[in-house]
Amino acid sequence: MKGAIIGDIVGSIYEWHNIKTKDFPLFAPNCFFTDDSIMTLAVGRAFLNCTDEADFPEELVYQMRLFGHMYPHGGYGGRFKQWLRAEDPHPYNSFGNGAAMRCSPAGMIASSLEEAEDLGQRTAEVTHNHPHTRRPQPAWPGRRIGSAPPPACAYYNGHAGRTKRHRPFNRRCLLCSVCRKSR
């Protein structure tokens, strides 16, 4: 989680002005935290507060909206802002990167790769329900995987001290996660 937040802050000044070098200052004076850090903290708080698995979606929505209202100028996208202000928020057919950017707590608390994948999916479902982020997986009939499980699994592997050879997803298809390596 710390790495995700540090990466968000360090990369904040390059978000709309990409660079193609590894030679850049960390924590430049104009760096700032963004919506990705805010929502990462909200997901972490939801995991900490939730005692019943069935209540997790409701707790997650509550924490995300609470943090969103506490930090209204975090740089949220237009549809996410609408979701934050909605009286009865529901997934809004998103297939953006927000779910992947906020899922590190799922990988941090998981006790297995499969649990990281499941928890990552659960952190995405409250906003991300576009069909392209929920494709059926040939390796697991009936299972659908969105944009958050691959990063959650990567965070789990890093937290567990695993190396690249343990990576569960094909590098070419990390975003769509349709191509699975056999286990």
Protein backbone atom coordinates (compact mmCIF):
# COMPACT_ATOMS: atom_id res chain seq x y z
CA MET A 1 0.00 0.00 0.00
CA LYS A 2 2.85 2.35 0.81
CA GLY A 3 4.41 1.62 -2.57
CA ALA A 4 1.17 2.38 -4.40
CA ILE A 5 0.81 5.70 -2.60
CA ILE A 6 4.46 6.65 -3.05
CA GLY A 7 4.22 5.77 -6.75
CA ASP A 8 1.08 7.86 -7.08
CA ILE A 9 2.71 10.89 -5.47
CA VAL A 10 6.00 10.58 -7.39
CA GLY A 11 4.14 10.08 -10.69
CA SER A 12 1.55 12.79 -10.08
CA ILE A 13 3.47 15.47 -11.96
CA TYR A 14 3.92 13.18 -14.97
CA GLU A 15 0.33 11.93 -15.24
CA TRP A 16 -0.57 14.16 -18.19
CA HIS A 17 3.02 14.87 -19.25
CA ASN A 18 4.64 11.46 -19.65
CA ILE A 19 8.41 11.08 -19.64
CA LYS A 20 10.52 8.34 -21.19
CA THR A 21 13.41 8.22 -18.74
CA LYS A 22 14.28 6.69 -15.43
CA ASP A 23 16.29 9.77 -14.51
CA PHE A 24 13.84 12.05 -12.72
CA PRO A 25 13.57 13.50 -9.22
CA LEU A 26 11.56 11.60 -6.65
CA PHE A 27 9.23 13.79 -4.63
CA ALA A 28 9.68 16.96 -6.66
CA PRO A 29 8.32 20.06 -4.91
CA ASN A 30 5.14 20.05 -7.00
CA CYS A 31 4.24 16.37 -6.40
CA PHE A 32 0.88 15.67 -4.77
CA PHE A 33 -1.38 12.77 -3.86
CA THR A 34 -4.22 12.00 -6.26
CA ASP A 35 -7.55 10.21 -6.29
CA ASP A 36 -5.66 6.92 -6.55
CA SER A 37 -4.06 7.38 -3.12
CA ILE A 38 -7.31 8.60 -1.61
CA MET A 39 -9.25 5.58 -2.85
CA THR A 40 -6.44 3.18 -1.88
CA LEU A 41 -6.77 4.44 1.69
CA ALA A 42 -10.56 4.09 1.50
CA VAL A 43 -10.23 0.46 0.37
CA GLY A 44 -7.77 -0.21 3.19
CA ARG A 45 -10.15 1.33 5.73
CA ALA A 46 -13.04 -0.76 4.37
CA PHE A 47 -11.02 -3.95 4.86
CA LEU A 48 -10.10 -2.90 8.40
CA ASN A 49 -13.66 -1.96 9.39
CA CYS A 50 -15.56 -4.82 7.81
CA THR A 51 -16.17 -7.79 10.09
CA ASP A 52 -18.67 -9.63 7.90
CA GLU A 53 -17.73 -10.56 4.34
CA ALA A 54 -21.31 -10.03 3.16
CA ASP A 55 -21.15 -6.40 4.31
CA PHE A 56 -17.95 -5.59 2.42
CA PRO A 57 -19.52 -3.96 -0.68
CA GLU A 58 -21.61 -1.63 1.47
CA GLU A 59 -18.64 -0.76 3.71
CA LEU A 60 -16.42 -0.19 0.67
CA VAL A 61 -18.93 2.18 -0.94
CA TYR A 62 -19.32 4.01 2.38
CA GLN A 63 -15.55 4.46 2.84
CA MET A 64 -14.93 5.47 -0.78
CA ARG A 65 -17.66 8.09 -0.61
CA LEU A 66 -16.49 9.29 2.82
CA PHE A 67 -12.89 9.72 1.62
CA GLY A 68 -14.13 11.27 -1.63
CA HIS A 69 -16.08 13.88 0.33
CA MET A 70 -13.17 14.54 2.69
CA TYR A 71 -10.86 15.10 -0.31
CA PRO A 72 -13.12 16.52 -3.03
CA HIS A 73 -10.29 17.89 -5.17
CA GLY A 74 -8.41 14.63 -5.65
CA GLY A 75 -8.64 14.68 -9.43
CA TYR A 76 -11.53 12.25 -9.85
CA GLY A 77 -12.95 11.50 -13.28
CA GLY A 78 -16.34 12.94 -14.20
CA ARG A 79 -18.36 9.75 -13.85
CA PHE A 80 -16.64 8.84 -10.59
CA LYS A 81 -17.51 12.29 -9.22
CA GLN A 82 -21.14 11.60 -10.11
CA TRP A 83 -20.91 8.23 -8.34
CA LEU A 84 -19.50 9.94 -5.24
CA ARG A 85 -22.44 12.37 -5.17
CA ALA A 86 -25.19 9.88 -6.07
CA GLU A 87 -27.92 9.21 -3.51
CA ASP A 88 -27.83 5.49 -4.26
CA PRO A 89 -24.49 4.73 -5.98
CA HIS A 90 -24.28 1.71 -8.28
CA PRO A 91 -21.60 0.45 -10.66
CA TYR A 92 -21.60 2.75 -13.67
CA ASN A 93 -20.25 0.57 -16.47
CA SER A 94 -16.69 1.79 -15.97
CA PHE A 95 -13.70 0.07 -17.49
CA GLY A 96 -11.11 2.67 -16.53
CA ASN A 97 -8.01 2.09 -14.42
CA GLY A 98 -9.43 3.32 -11.10
CA ALA A 99 -10.16 -0.16 -9.76
CA ALA A 100 -6.64 -1.32 -10.56
CA MET A 101 -5.13 1.76 -8.94
CA ARG A 102 -6.91 1.32 -5.59
CA CYS A 103 -6.65 -2.45 -5.04
CA SER A 104 -3.28 -2.80 -3.28
CA PRO A 105 -4.87 -3.41 0.16
CA ALA A 106 -6.46 -6.57 -1.29
CA GLY A 107 -3.05 -7.98 -2.12
CA MET A 108 -1.71 -6.86 1.22
CA ILE A 109 -4.26 -8.69 3.38
CA ALA A 110 -4.68 -11.80 1.23
CA SER A 111 -3.31 -15.08 2.50
CA SER A 112 -3.07 -16.67 -0.97
CA LEU A 113 -2.85 -15.69 -4.60
CA GLU A 114 -6.42 -16.87 -5.17
CA GLU A 115 -7.67 -14.75 -2.27
CA ALA A 116 -5.79 -11.70 -3.63
CA GLU A 117 -7.51 -12.22 -6.95
CA ASP A 118 -10.94 -12.57 -5.33
CA LEU A 119 -10.48 -9.56 -3.04
CA GLY A 120 -9.15 -7.49 -5.93
CA GLN A 121 -12.27 -8.32 -7.92
CA ARG A 122 -14.48 -7.35 -4.99
CA THR A 123 -12.78 -3.94 -4.71
CA ALA A 124 -13.61 -3.32 -8.38
CA GLU A 125 -17.21 -4.44 -8.48
CA VAL A 126 -18.72 -1.40 -6.77
CA THR A 127 -17.83 0.80 -9.76
CA HIS A 128 -16.44 -1.34 -12.59
CA ASN A 129 -19.01 -3.54 -14.30
CA HIS A 130 -18.30 -2.96 -17.98
CA PRO A 131 -18.39 -6.24 -19.97
CA HIS A 132 -14.80 -5.77 -21.15
CA THR A 133 -13.57 -5.75 -17.55
CA ARG A 134 -15.57 -8.86 -16.69
CA ARG A 135 -14.72 -11.38 -19.40
CA PRO A 136 -15.25 -15.08 -18.67
CA GLN A 137 -11.93 -16.82 -18.13
CA PRO A 138 -11.31 -19.99 -20.15
CA ALA A 139 -9.10 -21.39 -17.39
CA TRP A 140 -11.90 -21.03 -14.85
CA PRO A 141 -15.36 -21.55 -16.37
CA GLY A 142 -17.94 -19.29 -14.76
CA ARG A 143 -15.34 -16.93 -13.25
CA ARG A 144 -14.97 -13.38 -14.43
CA ILE A 145 -11.94 -11.20 -13.86
CA GLY A 146 -11.78 -7.42 -14.13
CA SER A 147 -9.05 -4.81 -13.96
CA ALA A 148 -8.21 -5.10 -10.27
CA PRO A 149 -7.23 -8.77 -9.73
CA PRO A 150 -3.95 -8.69 -11.72
CA PRO A 151 -2.50 -5.79 -9.69
CA ALA A 152 -3.86 -7.25 -6.45
CA CYS A 153 -2.06 -10.49 -7.27
CA ALA A 154 1.11 -8.57 -8.07
CA TYR A 155 0.89 -6.75 -4.72
CA TYR A 156 0.33 -10.10 -3.00
CA ASN A 157 3.39 -11.60 -4.69
CA GLY A 158 5.52 -8.61 -3.70
CA HIS A 159 4.21 -8.64 -0.15
CA ALA A 160 4.87 -12.39 0.07
CA GLY A 161 8.42 -11.91 -1.24
CA ARG A 162 7.78 -13.75 -4.50
CA THR A 163 9.69 -13.10 -7.70
CA LYS A 164 8.61 -12.52 -11.30
CA ARG A 165 8.50 -16.26 -11.98
CA HIS A 166 5.47 -16.46 -9.68
CA ARG A 167 3.56 -13.92 -11.79
CA PRO A 168 0.12 -15.42 -12.47
CA PHE A 169 -0.74 -13.38 -15.55
CA ASN A 170 0.72 -13.27 -19.02
CA ARG A 171 2.71 -10.03 -19.36
CA ARG A 172 1.19 -9.24 -22.77
CA CYS A 173 -2.34 -9.33 -21.37
CA LEU A 174 -1.94 -7.83 -17.92
CA LEU A 175 -4.70 -5.29 -18.41
CA CYS A 176 -7.37 -7.52 -19.89
CA SER A 177 -6.20 -10.71 -18.09
CA VAL A 178 -7.79 -12.97 -20.70
CA CYS A 179 -4.61 -14.92 -21.38
CA ARG A 180 -3.73 -16.93 -18.27
CA LYS A 181 -0.58 -18.92 -17.77
CA SER A 182 -1.28 -22.45 -16.71
CA ARG A 183 -0.60 -23.05 -13.06
